[in-house]
Amino acid sequence: MPDLPPAKRLFSETILKDPRSHGAVKALRALAPDDRIEQLCNIEAMEQIHRLRPSRRPDFIIAYAIKPPALSGAVFTADGAAFHDRKHWVRMRYRCGVSPDHAKVTQFAFAIGEDIAADQWSSYSLPTEDGASD
């Protein structure tokens, strides 16, 4: 992951061990392996964003917003991702490695980009504030 700054610490495992995450853990186990990897990486991404920039409050990530993600072995790459932060969508890129059993993140690197202008949201099928999307 040389082109993206690596995370110094990983958080998704701790988050998912919290009793409040029981429902999320159960939902992750029910997903197909590829979807489980994507969602596990999105959990890590949201916490990494908030830890890097505490003023950010990501509540949703779409890994395929601008460009389709790629999965190669146990590494998920989302070069065209976007995250929702209150009333904004923000570009981001990340690469996320997971354990062979797809149960935990083993490596993570990311970069936060610019806000996406509201008039571009529909072209990326990003949900609007009222919840409408393609």
Protein backbone atom coordinates (compact mmCIF):
# COMPACT_ATOMS: atom_id res chain seq x y z
CA MET A 1 0.00 0.00 0.00
CA PRO A 2 2.83 2.37 -0.82
CA ASP A 3 0.76 5.10 -2.49
CA LEU A 4 -1.55 5.60 0.51
CA PRO A 5 -0.50 6.48 4.06
CA PRO A 6 -0.83 3.39 6.28
CA ALA A 7 -2.88 3.47 9.44
CA LYS A 8 -0.76 3.36 12.57
CA ARG A 9 -3.42 1.47 14.50
CA LEU A 10 -6.41 -0.68 13.52
CA PHE A 11 -9.80 -0.29 15.20
CA SER A 12 -12.45 -2.55 13.64
CA GLU A 13 -11.60 -5.59 15.77
CA THR A 14 -12.06 -3.61 19.00
CA ILE A 15 -15.26 -2.04 17.69
CA LEU A 16 -16.72 -5.42 16.79
CA LYS A 17 -15.80 -6.92 20.18
CA ASP A 18 -17.90 -4.27 21.92
CA PRO A 19 -21.21 -5.81 23.10
CA ARG A 20 -23.07 -2.98 21.36
CA SER A 21 -21.83 -4.39 18.04
CA HIS A 22 -23.45 -7.80 18.50
CA GLY A 23 -26.00 -7.13 15.75
CA ALA A 24 -23.32 -5.93 13.34
CA VAL A 25 -21.19 -9.02 14.00
CA LYS A 26 -24.18 -11.27 13.38
CA ALA A 27 -25.00 -9.40 10.15
CA LEU A 28 -21.39 -9.64 8.95
CA ARG A 29 -21.34 -13.41 9.48
CA ALA A 30 -24.43 -13.75 7.29
CA LEU A 31 -22.82 -11.99 4.32
CA ALA A 32 -21.07 -13.62 1.40
CA PRO A 33 -17.27 -13.46 1.84
CA ASP A 34 -16.72 -10.61 -0.66
CA ASP A 35 -19.47 -8.51 0.92
CA ARG A 36 -18.16 -9.30 4.41
CA ILE A 37 -14.70 -8.03 3.43
CA GLU A 38 -16.15 -4.81 2.01
CA GLN A 39 -18.28 -4.11 5.08
CA LEU A 40 -15.46 -4.96 7.50
CA CYS A 41 -13.19 -2.57 5.61
CA ASN A 42 -15.88 0.13 5.65
CA ILE A 43 -16.13 -0.18 9.45
CA GLU A 44 -12.37 0.31 9.67
CA ALA A 45 -12.52 3.23 7.24
CA MET A 46 -15.17 5.11 9.23
CA GLU A 47 -13.17 4.87 12.44
CA GLN A 48 -9.91 5.80 10.71
CA ILE A 49 -11.54 8.91 9.23
CA HIS A 50 -12.91 9.99 12.59
CA ARG A 51 -9.61 9.35 14.38
CA LEU A 52 -7.62 11.29 11.78
CA ARG A 53 -10.09 14.17 11.64
CA PRO A 54 -12.24 14.24 14.79
CA SER A 55 -14.51 16.90 13.29
CA ARG A 56 -15.59 14.35 10.68
CA ARG A 57 -18.52 12.11 11.59
CA PRO A 58 -18.73 9.48 8.84
CA ASP A 59 -21.94 7.49 9.03
CA PHE A 60 -21.89 5.69 5.69
CA ILE A 61 -19.34 4.65 3.06
CA ILE A 62 -19.97 3.62 -0.51
CA ALA A 63 -16.86 1.83 -1.77
CA TYR A 64 -18.07 1.89 -5.40
CA ALA A 65 -19.33 5.50 -5.55
CA ILE A 66 -16.95 6.88 -8.16
CA LYS A 67 -15.04 3.83 -9.37
CA PRO A 68 -15.64 0.11 -8.88
CA PRO A 69 -13.58 -1.42 -6.07
CA ALA A 70 -11.32 -4.44 -6.58
CA LEU A 71 -10.70 -7.53 -4.50
CA SER A 72 -7.43 -9.37 -5.00
CA GLY A 73 -7.04 -12.26 -2.59
CA ALA A 74 -7.53 -10.75 0.84
CA VAL A 75 -6.92 -7.12 -0.21
CA PHE A 76 -9.88 -4.85 -0.95
CA THR A 77 -9.07 -1.66 -2.87
CA ALA A 78 -11.57 1.19 -3.10
CA ASP A 79 -9.96 3.97 -5.15
CA GLY A 80 -13.31 5.59 -5.89
CA ALA A 81 -15.04 5.50 -2.51
CA ALA A 82 -17.10 8.22 -0.84
CA PHE A 83 -18.21 8.71 2.72
CA HIS A 84 -21.17 10.61 4.10
CA ASP A 85 -20.48 13.18 6.81
CA ARG A 86 -23.59 14.99 8.02
CA LYS A 87 -24.75 16.88 4.91
CA HIS A 88 -21.71 16.17 2.74
CA TRP A 89 -20.29 13.39 0.61
CA VAL A 90 -16.49 13.25 0.57
CA ARG A 91 -14.13 11.42 -1.78
CA MET A 92 -11.75 8.88 -0.33
CA ARG A 93 -9.47 6.03 -1.31
CA TYR A 94 -8.51 3.04 0.76
CA ARG A 95 -6.81 -0.33 0.67
CA CYS A 96 -7.67 -2.89 3.26
CA GLY A 97 -6.16 -6.28 3.94
CA VAL A 98 -8.10 -8.87 5.92
CA SER A 99 -7.27 -12.14 7.65
CA PRO A 100 -7.73 -15.42 5.72
CA ASP A 101 -11.00 -16.10 7.59
CA HIS A 102 -12.29 -12.59 6.69
CA ALA A 103 -12.82 -11.88 10.38
CA LYS A 104 -10.47 -8.96 10.96
CA VAL A 105 -8.60 -6.18 9.23
CA THR A 106 -4.84 -6.81 9.14
CA GLN A 107 -3.70 -3.71 7.25
CA PHE A 108 -5.26 -0.44 6.21
CA ALA A 109 -4.15 2.63 4.26
CA PHE A 110 -6.28 5.56 3.15
CA ALA A 111 -6.54 9.13 1.96
CA ILE A 112 -9.41 11.57 2.33
CA GLY A 113 -10.21 13.71 -0.69
CA GLU A 114 -12.38 16.72 -1.38
CA ASP A 115 -16.09 17.18 -0.77
CA ILE A 116 -18.25 16.11 -3.69
CA ALA A 117 -20.44 18.94 -4.94
CA ALA A 118 -24.15 18.30 -4.32
CA ASP A 119 -24.91 18.71 -8.02
CA GLN A 120 -22.70 15.66 -8.69
CA TRP A 121 -24.38 13.35 -6.18
CA SER A 122 -26.93 11.97 -8.63
CA SER A 123 -24.24 11.16 -11.22
CA TYR A 124 -22.58 8.93 -8.61
CA SER A 125 -25.93 7.60 -7.32
CA LEU A 126 -25.20 9.03 -3.88
CA PRO A 127 -28.24 9.27 -1.64
CA THR A 128 -29.59 12.76 -1.06
CA GLU A 129 -30.44 14.13 2.35
CA ASP A 130 -34.03 12.94 1.98
CA GLY A 131 -32.81 9.40 1.42
CA ALA A 132 -33.58 9.17 -2.29
CA SER A 133 -31.09 7.37 -4.49
CA ASP A 134 -31.02 5.40 -7.74
